[in-house]
Amino acid sequence: MTSGTRTISRSRLFKVDLLALGALYQLHLAFDLLKHHRDISLTMATIPAEDSATYDMICTADTVGTFQIESRAQMSMLPRLKPRTFYDLVVEVSLVRPGPDLRWHVHPYLRPRTRPSSR
């Protein structure tokens, strides 16, 4: 727990992640635009989880402005990993994001994905 979190806890204030609220509001606006301009009704619960056109874009590292997969390190991994499911993205972000030095996991994970015969 950080000192700021302890201070909030002691003062019995409700902590809110304002960045997440802003992102949710932007999604709300995007849903409104889709409905207005394309007559497509979506909600958080109905966003297609495995949209092939989205994964095609991600595989080419066309991800500038895409939360969690927009850094240079993430973008360099995407064409090698070729994610096709949300779980693939979870693994990719976990392998690349800053934190414990787990780079030695990356190549063994990628090897069977780039050469299926080596499984």
Protein backbone atom coordinates (compact mmCIF):
# COMPACT_ATOMS: atom_id res chain seq x y z
CA MET A 1 0.00 0.00 0.00
CA THR A 2 1.43 3.41 -0.90
CA SER A 3 1.51 6.28 1.57
CA GLY A 4 -1.16 8.08 -0.48
CA THR A 5 -3.43 5.05 -0.29
CA ARG A 6 -2.91 4.81 3.48
CA THR A 7 -3.80 8.49 3.84
CA ILE A 8 -6.98 8.02 1.83
CA SER A 9 -7.83 4.91 3.83
CA ARG A 10 -7.33 6.68 7.17
CA SER A 11 -9.45 9.64 6.09
CA ARG A 12 -12.19 7.22 4.97
CA LEU A 13 -12.38 8.75 1.50
CA PHE A 14 -13.56 6.80 -1.51
CA LYS A 15 -10.72 6.32 -4.00
CA VAL A 16 -11.70 6.56 -7.67
CA ASP A 17 -9.46 5.87 -10.67
CA LEU A 18 -10.15 8.98 -12.74
CA LEU A 19 -8.21 7.73 -15.75
CA ALA A 20 -10.47 4.69 -15.95
CA LEU A 21 -13.56 6.88 -15.68
CA GLY A 22 -12.27 9.02 -18.54
CA ALA A 23 -11.62 5.95 -20.66
CA LEU A 24 -15.11 4.61 -19.95
CA TYR A 25 -16.59 7.95 -20.95
CA GLN A 26 -14.62 7.86 -24.23
CA LEU A 27 -16.01 4.38 -24.91
CA HIS A 28 -19.51 5.71 -24.24
CA LEU A 29 -18.92 8.48 -26.78
CA ALA A 30 -17.57 5.97 -29.31
CA PHE A 31 -20.68 3.80 -28.88
CA ASP A 32 -22.86 6.87 -29.46
CA LEU A 33 -20.91 7.72 -32.64
CA LEU A 34 -21.22 4.16 -33.95
CA LYS A 35 -24.97 4.25 -33.37
CA HIS A 36 -25.40 7.68 -34.95
CA HIS A 37 -23.16 7.24 -38.02
CA ARG A 38 -23.21 3.49 -38.72
CA ASP A 39 -26.39 2.34 -36.94
CA ILE A 40 -24.32 -0.16 -34.92
CA SER A 41 -25.42 -0.68 -31.32
CA LEU A 42 -22.66 -1.84 -29.00
CA THR A 43 -22.10 -1.92 -25.25
CA MET A 44 -19.15 -3.05 -23.18
CA ALA A 45 -20.81 -6.47 -22.99
CA THR A 46 -21.37 -6.80 -26.75
CA ILE A 47 -18.00 -5.70 -28.17
CA PRO A 48 -16.83 -8.64 -30.34
CA ALA A 49 -14.02 -10.34 -28.44
CA GLU A 50 -12.29 -11.96 -31.41
CA ASP A 51 -12.68 -9.51 -34.31
CA SER A 52 -10.34 -10.72 -37.07
CA ALA A 53 -9.88 -7.25 -38.63
CA THR A 54 -8.76 -5.89 -35.26
CA TYR A 55 -6.26 -8.71 -34.81
CA ASP A 56 -4.98 -8.18 -38.37
CA MET A 57 -4.28 -4.55 -37.43
CA ILE A 58 -2.62 -5.59 -34.17
CA CYS A 59 -0.42 -8.15 -35.96
CA THR A 60 1.02 -5.37 -38.12
CA ALA A 61 1.76 -3.33 -34.96
CA ASP A 62 -0.66 -0.60 -36.04
CA THR A 63 -1.35 0.12 -32.37
CA VAL A 64 -0.39 3.74 -31.71
CA GLY A 65 -2.87 5.01 -29.12
CA THR A 66 -3.97 1.51 -28.15
CA PHE A 67 -3.71 1.09 -24.39
CA GLN A 68 -1.12 -1.46 -23.22
CA ILE A 69 0.18 -2.33 -26.72
CA GLU A 70 1.43 1.02 -28.01
CA SER A 71 5.02 1.11 -26.69
CA ARG A 72 7.93 0.36 -29.01
CA ALA A 73 8.66 -2.85 -27.11
CA GLN A 74 5.04 -4.00 -27.41
CA MET A 75 4.88 -3.02 -31.09
CA SER A 76 8.06 -4.94 -31.90
CA MET A 77 6.66 -8.10 -30.30
CA LEU A 78 3.22 -8.04 -31.99
CA PRO A 79 4.28 -9.07 -35.53
CA ARG A 80 6.32 -11.94 -34.07
CA LEU A 81 3.62 -13.15 -31.70
CA LYS A 82 0.76 -12.68 -34.20
CA PRO A 83 -1.97 -12.54 -31.54
CA ARG A 84 -5.35 -13.90 -32.62
CA THR A 85 -7.16 -13.98 -29.26
CA PHE A 86 -7.51 -11.75 -26.23
CA TYR A 87 -5.52 -14.29 -24.22
CA ASP A 88 -2.63 -13.91 -26.69
CA LEU A 89 -2.63 -10.18 -25.90
CA VAL A 90 -2.69 -10.85 -22.16
CA VAL A 91 0.39 -13.05 -22.52
CA GLU A 92 2.13 -10.53 -24.80
CA VAL A 93 1.58 -7.64 -22.40
CA SER A 94 2.73 -9.79 -19.48
CA LEU A 95 5.93 -10.81 -21.25
CA VAL A 96 6.90 -7.34 -22.46
CA ARG A 97 5.70 -4.81 -19.90
CA PRO A 98 8.15 -3.40 -17.37
CA GLY A 99 8.56 -5.38 -14.20
CA PRO A 100 10.55 -8.46 -13.28
CA ASP A 101 13.21 -9.31 -15.85
CA LEU A 102 11.50 -12.15 -17.69
CA ARG A 103 12.94 -11.55 -21.16
CA TRP A 104 14.32 -15.08 -21.21
CA HIS A 105 10.68 -16.27 -21.42
CA VAL A 106 9.97 -14.39 -24.65
CA HIS A 107 11.92 -16.46 -27.20
CA PRO A 108 10.86 -19.87 -25.86
CA TYR A 109 7.25 -18.66 -25.99
CA LEU A 110 7.58 -17.27 -29.52
CA ARG A 111 9.48 -20.22 -31.00
CA PRO A 112 6.54 -22.64 -31.36
CA ARG A 113 4.26 -19.81 -32.52
CA THR A 114 6.61 -18.88 -35.39
CA ARG A 115 7.61 -22.48 -36.22
CA PRO A 116 4.63 -24.74 -35.45
CA SER A 117 6.65 -27.86 -36.28
CA SER A 118 8.96 -27.24 -33.25
CA ARG A 119 6.23 -27.91 -30.67
